[in-house]
Amino acid sequence: MRTTLTLNDALADSLKKLAHQSGKPFKQVINETLMAGLAHSQQRQAKTYRLQAVAMGAAYPGINLDKALQLADDLEDMAIMAKMELRK
């Protein structure tokens, strides 16, 4: 297949130098380089992310963690009331 590629100058110079050193045609060096790059990118696989669980201790007595959103609301209300007390 015939196509047109636009290469940056440094890359083109490196590929031309490689073609000259290896005695291969420029087109062959381009094809081999692209194939090697594709093969390398297909070999890479994402590493499995592992997270170790850590105990954070028990909740304070009287706090029901099944109602965490209600607890967050109550804590936010208490913080707002404390700020308002300071502004008197």
PDB file of N, CA and C in Angstrom:
ATOM      1  N   MET A   1       0.844  -1.175   0.000  1.00  0.00           N
ATOM      2  CA  MET A   1       0.000   0.000   0.000  1.00  0.00           C
ATOM      3  C   MET A   1       0.891   1.241   0.000  1.00  0.00           C
ATOM      4  N   ARG A   2       0.544   2.152  -0.800  1.00  0.00           N
ATOM      5  CA  ARG A   2       1.317   3.389  -0.901  1.00  0.00           C
ATOM      6  C   ARG A   2       0.605   4.477  -0.098  1.00  0.00           C
ATOM      7  N   THR A   3       1.387   5.198   0.723  1.00  0.00           N
ATOM      8  CA  THR A   3       0.805   6.282   1.517  1.00  0.00           C
ATOM      9  C   THR A   3       1.864   7.356   1.733  1.00  0.00           C
ATOM     10  N   THR A   4       1.436   8.502   2.195  1.00  0.00           N
ATOM     11  CA  THR A   4       2.351   9.605   2.462  1.00  0.00           C
ATOM     12  C   THR A   4       2.409   9.838   3.964  1.00  0.00           C
ATOM     13  N   LEU A   5       3.619   9.912   4.500  1.00  0.00           N
ATOM     14  CA  LEU A   5       3.821  10.183   5.920  1.00  0.00           C
ATOM     15  C   LEU A   5       4.565  11.498   6.075  1.00  0.00           C
ATOM     16  N   THR A   6       4.237  12.232   7.109  1.00  0.00           N
ATOM     17  CA  THR A   6       4.996  13.433   7.451  1.00  0.00           C
ATOM     18  C   THR A   6       5.757  13.134   8.728  1.00  0.00           C
ATOM     19  N   LEU A   7       7.077  13.107   8.630  1.00  0.00           N
ATOM     20  CA  LEU A   7       7.933  12.797   9.772  1.00  0.00           C
ATOM     21  C   LEU A   7       8.635  14.062  10.216  1.00  0.00           C
ATOM     22  N   ASN A   8       8.886  14.188  11.524  1.00  0.00           N
ATOM     23  CA  ASN A   8       9.672  15.345  11.950  1.00  0.00           C
ATOM     24  C   ASN A   8      11.112  15.133  11.509  1.00  0.00           C
ATOM     25  N   ASP A   9      11.859  16.197  11.400  1.00  0.00           N
ATOM     26  CA  ASP A   9      13.206  16.151  10.814  1.00  0.00           C
ATOM     27  C   ASP A   9      14.147  15.209  11.564  1.00  0.00           C
ATOM     28  N   ALA A  10      14.104  15.250  12.886  1.00  0.00           N
ATOM     29  CA  ALA A  10      15.015  14.416  13.674  1.00  0.00           C
ATOM     30  C   ALA A  10      14.722  12.932  13.455  1.00  0.00           C
ATOM     31  N   LEU A  11      13.443  12.577  13.401  1.00  0.00           N
ATOM     32  CA  LEU A  11      13.063  11.182  13.178  1.00  0.00           C
ATOM     33  C   LEU A  11      13.475  10.725  11.778  1.00  0.00           C
ATOM     34  N   ALA A  12      13.229  11.557  10.799  1.00  0.00           N
ATOM     35  CA  ALA A  12      13.594  11.211   9.421  1.00  0.00           C
ATOM     36  C   ALA A  12      15.109  11.022   9.292  1.00  0.00           C
ATOM     37  N   ASP A  13      15.877  11.906   9.943  1.00  0.00           N
ATOM     38  CA  ASP A  13      17.335  11.780   9.899  1.00  0.00           C
ATOM     39  C   ASP A  13      17.796  10.479  10.551  1.00  0.00           C
ATOM     40  N   SER A  14      17.196  10.135  11.682  1.00  0.00           N
ATOM     41  CA  SER A  14      17.568   8.889  12.374  1.00  0.00           C
ATOM     42  C   SER A  14      17.244   7.671  11.530  1.00  0.00           C
ATOM     43  N   LEU A  15      16.093   7.685  10.890  1.00  0.00           N
ATOM     44  CA  LEU A  15      15.697   6.556  10.049  1.00  0.00           C
ATOM     45  C   LEU A  15      16.587   6.444   8.813  1.00  0.00           C
ATOM     46  N   LYS A  16      16.943   7.575   8.226  1.00  0.00           N
ATOM     47  CA  LYS A  16      17.846   7.552   7.065  1.00  0.00           C
ATOM     48  C   LYS A  16      19.222   7.028   7.457  1.00  0.00           C
ATOM     49  N   LYS A  17      19.708   7.443   8.634  1.00  0.00           N
ATOM     50  CA  LYS A  17      20.999   6.967   9.109  1.00  0.00           C
ATOM     51  C   LYS A  17      20.961   5.458   9.352  1.00  0.00           C
ATOM     52  N   LEU A  18      19.864   4.972   9.939  1.00  0.00           N
ATOM     53  CA  LEU A  18      19.701   3.543  10.184  1.00  0.00           C
ATOM     54  C   LEU A  18      19.656   2.768   8.869  1.00  0.00           C
ATOM     55  N   ALA A  19      18.956   3.309   7.893  1.00  0.00           N
ATOM     56  CA  ALA A  19      18.884   2.657   6.575  1.00  0.00           C
ATOM     57  C   ALA A  19      20.275   2.596   5.946  1.00  0.00           C
ATOM     58  N   HIS A  20      21.022   3.679   6.048  1.00  0.00           N
ATOM     59  CA  HIS A  20      22.364   3.713   5.459  1.00  0.00           C
ATOM     60  C   HIS A  20      23.287   2.713   6.158  1.00  0.00           C
ATOM     61  N   GLN A  21      23.232   2.689   7.511  1.00  0.00           N
ATOM     62  CA  GLN A  21      24.107   1.787   8.276  1.00  0.00           C
ATOM     63  C   GLN A  21      23.781   0.317   8.027  1.00  0.00           C
ATOM     64  N   SER A  22      22.487   0.017   7.885  1.00  0.00           N
ATOM     65  CA  SER A  22      22.084  -1.378   7.715  1.00  0.00           C
ATOM     66  C   SER A  22      22.140  -1.823   6.260  1.00  0.00           C
ATOM     67  N   GLY A  23      22.210  -0.868   5.346  1.00  0.00           N
ATOM     68  CA  GLY A  23      22.234  -1.202   3.925  1.00  0.00           C
ATOM     69  C   GLY A  23      20.858  -1.602   3.403  1.00  0.00           C
ATOM     70  N   LYS A  24      19.831  -1.298   4.171  1.00  0.00           N
ATOM     71  CA  LYS A  24      18.465  -1.627   3.756  1.00  0.00           C
ATOM     72  C   LYS A  24      17.814  -0.392   3.141  1.00  0.00           C
ATOM     73  N   PRO A  25      16.810  -0.600   2.301  1.00  0.00           N
ATOM     74  CA  PRO A  25      16.084   0.548   1.751  1.00  0.00           C
ATOM     75  C   PRO A  25      15.326   1.292   2.859  1.00  0.00           C
ATOM     76  N   PHE A  26      15.170   2.586   2.665  1.00  0.00           N
ATOM     77  CA  PHE A  26      14.471   3.437   3.632  1.00  0.00           C
ATOM     78  C   PHE A  26      13.081   2.887   3.923  1.00  0.00           C
ATOM     79  N   LYS A  27      12.372   2.462   2.885  1.00  0.00           N
ATOM     80  CA  LYS A  27      11.020   1.930   3.042  1.00  0.00           C
ATOM     81  C   LYS A  27      11.015   0.708   3.954  1.00  0.00           C
ATOM     82  N   GLN A  28      11.992  -0.150   3.801  1.00  0.00           N
ATOM     83  CA  GLN A  28      12.061  -1.365   4.629  1.00  0.00           C
ATOM     84  C   GLN A  28      12.343  -1.007   6.092  1.00  0.00           C
ATOM     85  N   VAL A  29      13.210  -0.040   6.311  1.00  0.00           N
ATOM     86  CA  VAL A  29      13.527   0.398   7.681  1.00  0.00           C
ATOM     87  C   VAL A  29      12.273   0.977   8.335  1.00  0.00           C
ATOM     88  N   ILE A  30      11.516   1.771   7.589  1.00  0.00           N
ATOM     89  CA  ILE A  30      10.265   2.338   8.117  1.00  0.00           C
ATOM     90  C   ILE A  30       9.314   1.207   8.509  1.00  0.00           C
ATOM     91  N   ASN A  31       9.109   0.248   7.615  1.00  0.00           N
ATOM     92  CA  ASN A  31       8.185  -0.859   7.881  1.00  0.00           C
ATOM     93  C   ASN A  31       8.627  -1.688   9.091  1.00  0.00           C
ATOM     94  N   GLU A  32       9.917  -2.011   9.176  1.00  0.00           N
ATOM     95  CA  GLU A  32      10.416  -2.807  10.291  1.00  0.00           C
ATOM     96  C   GLU A  32      10.274  -2.055  11.618  1.00  0.00           C
ATOM     97  N   THR A  33      10.551  -0.770  11.577  1.00  0.00           N
ATOM     98  CA  THR A  33      10.446   0.040  12.792  1.00  0.00           C
ATOM     99  C   THR A  33       9.001   0.126  13.270  1.00  0.00           C
ATOM    100  N   LEU A  34       8.083   0.339  12.345  1.00  0.00           N
ATOM    101  CA  LEU A  34       6.664   0.396  12.715  1.00  0.00           C
ATOM    102  C   LEU A  34       6.173  -0.943  13.249  1.00  0.00           C
ATOM    103  N   MET A  35       6.583  -2.037  12.610  1.00  0.00           N
ATOM    104  CA  MET A  35       6.167  -3.366  13.066  1.00  0.00           C
ATOM    105  C   MET A  35       6.707  -3.653  14.469  1.00  0.00           C
ATOM    106  N   ALA A  36       7.959  -3.282  14.712  1.00  0.00           N
ATOM    107  CA  ALA A  36       8.550  -3.499  16.036  1.00  0.00           C
ATOM    108  C   ALA A  36       7.814  -2.679  17.093  1.00  0.00           C
ATOM    109  N   GLY A  37       7.462  -1.446  16.745  1.00  0.00           N
ATOM    110  CA  GLY A  37       6.719  -0.602  17.679  1.00  0.00           C
ATOM    111  C   GLY A  37       5.342  -1.163  17.981  1.00  0.00           C
ATOM    112  N   LEU A  38       4.658  -1.647  16.964  1.00  0.00           N
ATOM    113  CA  LEU A  38       3.337  -2.252  17.173  1.00  0.00           C
ATOM    114  C   LEU A  38       3.433  -3.513  18.019  1.00  0.00           C
ATOM    115  N   ALA A  39       4.429  -4.341  17.752  1.00  0.00           N
ATOM    116  CA  ALA A  39       4.600  -5.578  18.524  1.00  0.00           C
ATOM    117  C   ALA A  39       4.877  -5.248  19.989  1.00  0.00           C
ATOM    118  N   HIS A  40       5.685  -4.229  20.219  1.00  0.00           N
ATOM    119  CA  HIS A  40       6.013  -3.837  21.593  1.00  0.00           C
ATOM    120  C   HIS A  40       4.773  -3.307  22.316  1.00  0.00           C
ATOM    121  N   SER A  41       3.968  -2.506  21.650  1.00  0.00           N
ATOM    122  CA  SER A  41       2.790  -1.925  22.304  1.00  0.00           C
ATOM    123  C   SER A  41       1.736  -2.983  22.602  1.00  0.00           C
ATOM    124  N   GLN A  42       1.683  -4.042  21.805  1.00  0.00           N
ATOM    125  CA  GLN A  42       0.706  -5.108  22.053  1.00  0.00           C
ATOM    126  C   GLN A  42       1.146  -6.010  23.196  1.00  0.00           C
ATOM    127  N   GLN A  43       2.437  -6.063  23.476  1.00  0.00           N
ATOM    128  CA  GLN A  43       2.944  -6.903  24.553  1.00  0.00           C
ATOM    129  C   GLN A  43       2.670  -6.293  25.922  1.00  0.00           C
ATOM    130  N   ARG A  44       2.570  -4.997  25.983  1.00  0.00           N
ATOM    131  CA  ARG A  44       2.354  -4.323  27.262  1.00  0.00           C
ATOM    132  C   ARG A  44       0.946  -4.588  27.748  1.00  0.00           C
ATOM    133  N   GLN A  45       0.838  -5.014  28.971  1.00  0.00           N
ATOM    134  CA  GLN A  45      -0.462  -5.242  29.581  1.00  0.00           C
ATOM    135  C   GLN A  45      -0.506  -4.455  30.881  1.00  0.00           C
ATOM    136  N   ALA A  46      -1.681  -4.026  31.232  1.00  0.00           N
ATOM    137  CA  ALA A  46      -1.834  -3.271  32.463  1.00  0.00           C
ATOM    138  C   ALA A  46      -1.549  -4.163  33.667  1.00  0.00           C
ATOM    139  N   LYS A  47      -0.842  -3.615  34.625  1.00  0.00           N
ATOM    140  CA  LYS A  47      -0.564  -4.349  35.846  1.00  0.00           C
ATOM    141  C   LYS A  47      -1.811  -4.333  36.723  1.00  0.00           C
ATOM    142  N   THR A  48      -2.032  -5.407  37.425  1.00  0.00           N
ATOM    143  CA  THR A  48      -3.173  -5.496  38.330  1.00  0.00           C
ATOM    144  C   THR A  48      -2.926  -4.580  39.515  1.00  0.00           C
ATOM    145  N   TYR A  49      -3.908  -3.762  39.813  1.00  0.00           N
ATOM    146  CA  TYR A  49      -3.819  -2.851  40.950  1.00  0.00           C
ATOM    147  C   TYR A  49      -4.256  -3.594  42.200  1.00  0.00           C
ATOM    148  N   ARG A  50      -3.400  -3.604  43.189  1.00  0.00           N
ATOM    149  CA  ARG A  50      -3.722  -4.290  44.430  1.00  0.00           C
ATOM    150  C   ARG A  50      -3.644  -3.287  45.578  1.00  0.00           C
ATOM    151  N   LEU A  51      -4.648  -3.335  46.425  1.00  0.00           N
ATOM    152  CA  LEU A  51      -4.707  -2.458  47.579  1.00  0.00           C
ATOM    153  C   LEU A  51      -4.889  -3.313  48.810  1.00  0.00           C
ATOM    154  N   GLN A  52      -4.042  -3.117  49.786  1.00  0.00           N
ATOM    155  CA  GLN A  52      -4.131  -3.898  51.003  1.00  0.00           C
ATOM    156  C   GLN A  52      -5.087  -3.209  51.964  1.00  0.00           C
ATOM    157  N   ALA A  53      -6.023  -3.977  52.501  1.00  0.00           N
ATOM    158  CA  ALA A  53      -6.987  -3.432  53.457  1.00  0.00           C
ATOM    159  C   ALA A  53      -6.283  -3.132  54.774  1.00  0.00           C
ATOM    160  N   VAL A  54      -6.718  -2.054  55.415  1.00  0.00           N
ATOM    161  CA  VAL A  54      -6.146  -1.650  56.686  1.00  0.00           C
ATOM    162  C   VAL A  54      -7.280  -1.416  57.672  1.00  0.00           C
ATOM    163  N   ALA A  55      -7.150  -1.945  58.861  1.00  0.00           N
ATOM    164  CA  ALA A  55      -8.165  -1.739  59.891  1.00  0.00           C
ATOM    165  C   ALA A  55      -8.103  -0.293  60.369  1.00  0.00           C
ATOM    166  N   MET A  56      -9.243   0.348  60.489  1.00  0.00           N
ATOM    167  CA  MET A  56      -9.292   1.736  60.924  1.00  0.00           C
ATOM    168  C   MET A  56      -9.865   1.870  62.329  1.00  0.00           C
ATOM    169  N   GLY A  57     -10.072   0.751  62.982  1.00  0.00           N
ATOM    170  CA  GLY A  57     -10.586   0.785  64.348  1.00  0.00           C
ATOM    171  C   GLY A  57     -12.104   0.816  64.356  1.00  0.00           C
ATOM    172  N   ALA A  58     -12.647   0.683  65.528  1.00  0.00           N
ATOM    173  CA  ALA A  58     -14.099   0.668  65.699  1.00  0.00           C
ATOM    174  C   ALA A  58     -14.645   2.089  65.752  1.00  0.00           C
ATOM    175  N   ALA A  59     -15.907   2.226  65.441  1.00  0.00           N
ATOM    176  CA  ALA A  59     -16.565   3.527  65.515  1.00  0.00           C
ATOM    177  C   ALA A  59     -16.833   3.875  66.975  1.00  0.00           C
ATOM    178  N   TYR A  60     -17.023   5.153  67.238  1.00  0.00           N
ATOM    179  CA  TYR A  60     -17.357   5.585  68.593  1.00  0.00           C
ATOM    180  C   TYR A  60     -18.686   4.985  69.014  1.00  0.00           C
ATOM    181  N   PRO A  61     -18.865   4.759  70.282  1.00  0.00           N
ATOM    182  CA  PRO A  61     -20.151   4.219  70.750  1.00  0.00           C
ATOM    183  C   PRO A  61     -21.297   5.164  70.383  1.00  0.00           C
ATOM    184  N   GLY A  62     -22.386   4.610  69.949  1.00  0.00           N
ATOM    185  CA  GLY A  62     -23.555   5.408  69.606  1.00  0.00           C
ATOM    186  C   GLY A  62     -23.577   5.884  68.166  1.00  0.00           C
ATOM    187  N   ILE A  63     -22.538   5.596  67.398  1.00  0.00           N
ATOM    188  CA  ILE A  63     -22.499   6.010  65.986  1.00  0.00           C
ATOM    189  C   ILE A  63     -22.823   4.802  65.132  1.00  0.00           C
ATOM    190  N   ASN A  64     -23.857   4.938  64.322  1.00  0.00           N
ATOM    191  CA  ASN A  64     -24.297   3.864  63.439  1.00  0.00           C
ATOM    192  C   ASN A  64     -23.730   4.134  62.043  1.00  0.00           C
ATOM    193  N   LEU A  65     -22.743   3.343  61.632  1.00  0.00           N
ATOM    194  CA  LEU A  65     -22.109   3.564  60.328  1.00  0.00           C
ATOM    195  C   LEU A  65     -23.005   3.153  59.169  1.00  0.00           C
ATOM    196  N   ASP A  66     -24.125   2.478  59.453  1.00  0.00           N
ATOM    197  CA  ASP A  66     -25.076   2.143  58.397  1.00  0.00           C
ATOM    198  C   ASP A  66     -25.770   3.400  57.884  1.00  0.00           C
ATOM    199  N   LYS A  67     -25.695   4.462  58.656  1.00  0.00           N
ATOM    200  CA  LYS A  67     -26.315   5.729  58.257  1.00  0.00           C
ATOM    201  C   LYS A  67     -25.220   6.787  58.120  1.00  0.00           C
ATOM    202  N   ALA A  68     -24.235   6.491  57.283  1.00  0.00           N
ATOM    203  CA  ALA A  68     -23.059   7.346  57.148  1.00  0.00           C
ATOM    204  C   ALA A  68     -23.402   8.719  56.585  1.00  0.00           C
ATOM    205  N   LEU A  69     -24.349   8.795  55.648  1.00  0.00           N
ATOM    206  CA  LEU A  69     -24.712  10.102  55.086  1.00  0.00           C
ATOM    207  C   LEU A  69     -25.368  10.990  56.136  1.00  0.00           C
ATOM    208  N   GLN A  70     -26.198  10.406  56.969  1.00  0.00           N
ATOM    209  CA  GLN A  70     -26.827  11.180  58.039  1.00  0.00           C
ATOM    210  C   GLN A  70     -25.758  11.673  59.014  1.00  0.00           C
ATOM    211  N   LEU A  71     -24.781  10.813  59.321  1.00  0.00           N
ATOM    212  CA  LEU A  71     -23.677  11.193  60.196  1.00  0.00           C
ATOM    213  C   LEU A  71     -22.892  12.353  59.586  1.00  0.00           C
ATOM    214  N   ALA A  72     -22.616  12.295  58.288  1.00  0.00           N
ATOM    215  CA  ALA A  72     -21.884  13.375  57.614  1.00  0.00           C
ATOM    216  C   ALA A  72     -22.670  14.677  57.682  1.00  0.00           C
ATOM    217  N   ASP A  73     -23.976  14.608  57.473  1.00  0.00           N
ATOM    218  CA  ASP A  73     -24.825  15.807  57.571  1.00  0.00           C
ATOM    219  C   ASP A  73     -24.782  16.387  58.976  1.00  0.00           C
ATOM    220  N   ASP A  74     -24.880  15.525  59.976  1.00  0.00           N
ATOM    221  CA  ASP A  74     -24.861  15.994  61.368  1.00  0.00           C
ATOM    222  C   ASP A  74     -23.528  16.660  61.691  1.00  0.00           C
ATOM    223  N   LEU A  75     -22.420  16.058  61.253  1.00  0.00           N
ATOM    224  CA  LEU A  75     -21.102  16.645  61.506  1.00  0.00           C
ATOM    225  C   LEU A  75     -20.946  17.990  60.798  1.00  0.00           C
ATOM    226  N   GLU A  76     -21.473  18.088  59.580  1.00  0.00           N
ATOM    227  CA  GLU A  76     -21.405  19.352  58.843  1.00  0.00           C
ATOM    228  C   GLU A  76     -22.221  20.420  59.553  1.00  0.00           C
ATOM    229  N   ASP A  77     -23.423  20.060  60.033  1.00  0.00           N
ATOM    230  CA  ASP A  77     -24.265  21.009  60.773  1.00  0.00           C
ATOM    231  C   ASP A  77     -23.553  21.490  62.031  1.00  0.00           C
ATOM    232  N   MET A  78     -22.902  20.587  62.746  1.00  0.00           N
ATOM    233  CA  MET A  78     -22.187  20.967  63.965  1.00  0.00           C
ATOM    234  C   MET A  78     -21.043  21.921  63.641  1.00  0.00           C
ATOM    235  N   ALA A  79     -20.349  21.702  62.532  1.00  0.00           N
ATOM    236  CA  ALA A  79     -19.245  22.576  62.143  1.00  0.00           C
ATOM    237  C   ALA A  79     -19.764  23.968  61.777  1.00  0.00           C
ATOM    238  N   ILE A  80     -20.874  24.032  61.082  1.00  0.00           N
ATOM    239  CA  ILE A  80     -21.461  25.328  60.715  1.00  0.00           C
ATOM    240  C   ILE A  80     -21.896  26.081  61.960  1.00  0.00           C
ATOM    241  N   MET A  81     -22.524  25.381  62.887  1.00  0.00           N
ATOM    242  CA  MET A  81     -22.980  26.028  64.131  1.00  0.00           C
ATOM    243  C   MET A  81     -21.785  26.539  64.939  1.00  0.00           C
ATOM    244  N   ALA A  82     -20.667  25.795  64.950  1.00  0.00           N
ATOM    245  CA  ALA A  82     -19.477  26.239  65.666  1.00  0.00           C
ATOM    246  C   ALA A  82     -18.901  27.496  65.038  1.00  0.00           C
ATOM    247  N   LYS A  83     -18.901  27.589  63.710  1.00  0.00           N
ATOM    248  CA  LYS A  83     -18.425  28.792  63.022  1.00  0.00           C
ATOM    249  C   LYS A  83     -19.324  29.994  63.334  1.00  0.00           C
ATOM    250  N   MET A  84     -20.617  29.732  63.367  1.00  0.00           N
ATOM    251  CA  MET A  84     -21.562  30.826  63.656  1.00  0.00           C
ATOM    252  C   MET A  84     -21.396  31.324  65.083  1.00  0.00           C
ATOM    253  N   GLU A  85     -21.085  30.440  66.012  1.00  0.00           N
ATOM    254  CA  GLU A  85     -20.865  30.837  67.404  1.00  0.00           C
ATOM    255  C   GLU A  85     -19.647  31.755  67.515  1.00  0.00           C
ATOM    256  N   LEU A  86     -18.616  31.503  66.705  1.00  0.00           N
ATOM    257  CA  LEU A  86     -17.398  32.310  66.754  1.00  0.00           C
ATOM    258  C   LEU A  86     -17.636  33.712  66.207  1.00  0.00           C
ATOM    259  N   ARG A  87     -18.626  33.915  65.384  1.00  0.00           N
ATOM    260  CA  ARG A  87     -18.874  35.223  64.746  1.00  0.00           C
ATOM    261  C   ARG A  87     -19.739  36.146  65.590  1.00  0.00           C
ATOM    262  N   LYS A  88     -20.163  35.720  66.751  1.00  0.00           N
ATOM    263  CA  LYS A  88     -21.025  36.565  67.601  1.00  0.00           C
ATOM    264  C   LYS A  88     -20.376  37.843  67.958  1.00  0.00           C
TER     265      LYS A  88
END
